N, C-alpha and C. Protein backbone atom coordinates (compact mmCIF):
# COMPACT_ATOMS: atom_id res chain seq x y z
N MET A 1 18.54 114.15 -46.47
CA MET A 1 19.07 113.03 -47.51
C MET A 1 20.02 111.64 -46.65
N THR A 2 20.56 112.15 -45.77
CA THR A 2 21.12 111.06 -45.60
C THR A 2 20.68 109.88 -44.58
N VAL A 3 19.22 110.32 -44.47
CA VAL A 3 18.36 109.29 -43.69
C VAL A 3 18.09 108.01 -44.91
N LEU A 4 18.09 108.10 -46.12
CA LEU A 4 17.86 107.18 -46.93
C LEU A 4 19.07 106.18 -47.01
N LEU A 5 20.24 106.52 -46.78
CA LEU A 5 21.25 105.75 -46.33
C LEU A 5 20.90 104.55 -45.36
N PHE A 6 20.02 105.07 -44.66
CA PHE A 6 19.53 103.87 -43.55
C PHE A 6 18.41 102.97 -44.05
N LEU A 7 17.35 103.81 -44.70
CA LEU A 7 16.00 103.26 -44.73
C LEU A 7 16.21 102.57 -45.88
N ILE A 8 16.76 102.65 -47.19
CA ILE A 8 17.21 101.57 -48.01
C ILE A 8 17.87 100.14 -47.89
N PRO A 9 18.71 99.96 -46.85
CA PRO A 9 19.34 98.51 -46.47
C PRO A 9 18.07 98.18 -45.56
N ILE A 10 17.33 98.89 -44.84
CA ILE A 10 16.30 98.26 -44.00
C ILE A 10 15.01 97.44 -44.68
N ALA A 11 14.84 98.39 -45.51
CA ALA A 11 13.79 98.15 -46.49
C ALA A 11 14.38 96.78 -47.32
N LEU A 12 15.55 96.83 -47.84
CA LEU A 12 16.04 95.68 -48.72
C LEU A 12 16.05 94.53 -47.79
N PHE A 13 16.37 94.76 -46.70
CA PHE A 13 16.64 93.69 -45.58
C PHE A 13 15.15 92.92 -45.28
N LEU A 14 14.27 93.95 -44.76
CA LEU A 14 12.97 93.55 -44.85
C LEU A 14 12.35 92.71 -45.78
N GLY A 15 12.48 93.31 -47.24
CA GLY A 15 11.99 92.44 -48.23
C GLY A 15 12.34 91.15 -48.14
N GLY A 16 13.98 91.01 -47.97
CA GLY A 16 14.35 89.53 -48.59
C GLY A 16 13.81 89.09 -47.42
N LEU A 17 14.11 89.44 -46.12
CA LEU A 17 13.44 88.48 -45.12
C LEU A 17 11.65 88.03 -45.21
N GLY A 18 11.23 88.72 -45.87
CA GLY A 18 9.46 88.39 -46.21
C GLY A 18 9.52 87.46 -47.81
N LEU A 19 10.83 87.45 -48.08
CA LEU A 19 10.78 86.90 -49.39
C LEU A 19 11.14 85.29 -48.90
N PHE A 20 12.35 85.33 -48.05
CA PHE A 20 12.78 83.87 -47.37
C PHE A 20 11.58 83.38 -46.51
N GLY A 21 10.87 84.16 -46.07
CA GLY A 21 9.84 83.48 -45.34
C GLY A 21 8.71 82.95 -45.95
N PHE A 22 8.52 83.67 -47.64
CA PHE A 22 7.70 82.83 -48.25
C PHE A 22 8.09 81.68 -49.10
N LEU A 23 9.37 81.66 -49.47
CA LEU A 23 9.79 80.75 -49.92
C LEU A 23 9.94 79.46 -49.12
N TRP A 24 10.28 79.79 -47.61
CA TRP A 24 10.34 78.62 -46.59
C TRP A 24 8.83 77.87 -46.44
N CYS A 25 7.86 78.89 -46.90
CA CYS A 25 6.37 78.41 -46.53
C CYS A 25 6.35 77.45 -47.69
N MET A 26 6.91 77.77 -48.79
CA MET A 26 6.23 76.99 -50.11
C MET A 26 6.99 75.73 -49.97
N ARG A 27 8.17 75.77 -49.54
CA ARG A 27 8.86 74.49 -49.61
C ARG A 27 8.51 73.29 -48.78
N SER A 28 8.05 73.69 -47.39
CA SER A 28 7.47 73.29 -46.26
C SER A 28 6.17 72.62 -46.46
N GLY A 29 5.25 73.07 -47.65
CA GLY A 29 4.11 72.51 -47.84
C GLY A 29 3.09 73.15 -47.23
N GLN A 30 3.21 74.42 -46.82
CA GLN A 30 2.17 75.10 -46.33
C GLN A 30 1.14 75.49 -47.10
N PHE A 31 1.13 75.73 -48.55
CA PHE A 31 0.26 76.04 -49.08
C PHE A 31 -0.36 74.92 -50.16
N ASP A 32 -0.16 73.30 -49.87
CA ASP A 32 -0.54 72.63 -50.69
C ASP A 32 -2.13 72.43 -50.68
N ASP A 33 -2.57 72.21 -49.82
CA ASP A 33 -4.24 71.68 -49.31
C ASP A 33 -4.71 73.11 -48.48
N LEU A 34 -5.49 74.16 -49.70
CA LEU A 34 -5.98 75.18 -49.02
C LEU A 34 -7.48 74.77 -49.17
N ASP A 35 -8.19 73.94 -49.70
CA ASP A 35 -9.26 73.55 -49.48
C ASP A 35 -10.03 72.73 -48.11
N GLY A 36 -8.70 71.95 -47.93
CA GLY A 36 -9.18 70.52 -47.06
C GLY A 36 -9.42 71.16 -45.91
N ALA A 37 -8.81 72.04 -44.97
CA ALA A 37 -8.96 72.60 -43.62
C ALA A 37 -10.28 73.35 -43.67
N ALA A 38 -10.90 74.22 -44.94
CA ALA A 38 -12.06 74.77 -44.87
C ALA A 38 -13.28 73.44 -44.95
N GLN A 39 -13.18 72.49 -45.56
CA GLN A 39 -13.88 71.59 -45.53
C GLN A 39 -14.03 70.65 -44.32
N ARG A 40 -12.92 70.03 -44.02
CA ARG A 40 -12.58 69.49 -42.46
C ARG A 40 -13.57 69.88 -41.51
N ILE A 41 -13.67 71.09 -41.30
CA ILE A 41 -14.42 71.68 -40.16
C ILE A 41 -16.00 71.39 -40.53
N LEU A 42 -16.43 71.25 -41.48
CA LEU A 42 -17.86 71.12 -41.95
C LEU A 42 -18.35 69.72 -41.51
N PHE A 43 -17.42 68.79 -41.39
CA PHE A 43 -17.76 67.10 -41.25
C PHE A 43 -17.16 66.70 -39.64
N ASP A 44 -17.97 66.11 -39.41
CA ASP A 44 -17.61 65.40 -38.01
C ASP A 44 -17.30 63.65 -38.35
N ASP A 45 -15.93 63.66 -37.73
CA ASP A 45 -15.31 62.37 -38.55
C ASP A 45 -15.28 61.13 -37.18
N GLU A 46 -16.19 61.56 -36.06
CA GLU A 46 -15.50 60.97 -34.82
C GLU A 46 -16.50 59.32 -35.08
N PRO A 47 -15.53 58.54 -34.70
CA PRO A 47 -16.00 56.94 -35.13
C PRO A 47 -17.50 56.27 -34.55
N GLY A 48 -17.98 56.76 -33.28
CA GLY A 48 -18.90 56.55 -32.77
C GLY A 48 -20.11 57.42 -33.11
N ASP A 49 -20.04 57.98 -34.04
CA ASP A 49 -21.15 58.85 -34.54
C ASP A 49 -21.65 58.30 -35.63
N ALA A 50 -21.76 57.12 -36.10
CA ALA A 50 -21.95 56.47 -37.29
C ALA A 50 -23.67 56.07 -37.20
N ARG A 51 -24.62 56.53 -37.41
CA ARG A 51 -25.96 55.83 -37.12
C ARG A 51 -26.59 55.21 -38.40
């Protein structure tokens, strides 16, 4: 039963750390353009490739 005194604060700390990381990603714009990177890989935008 005394192990819960260690596990509960550790679980709360890890949960808070995950929440902090998620909020930081949201505020820095990591999730703004989810489709752009997936579509960008399909097209070549090299300037010398125009035919």
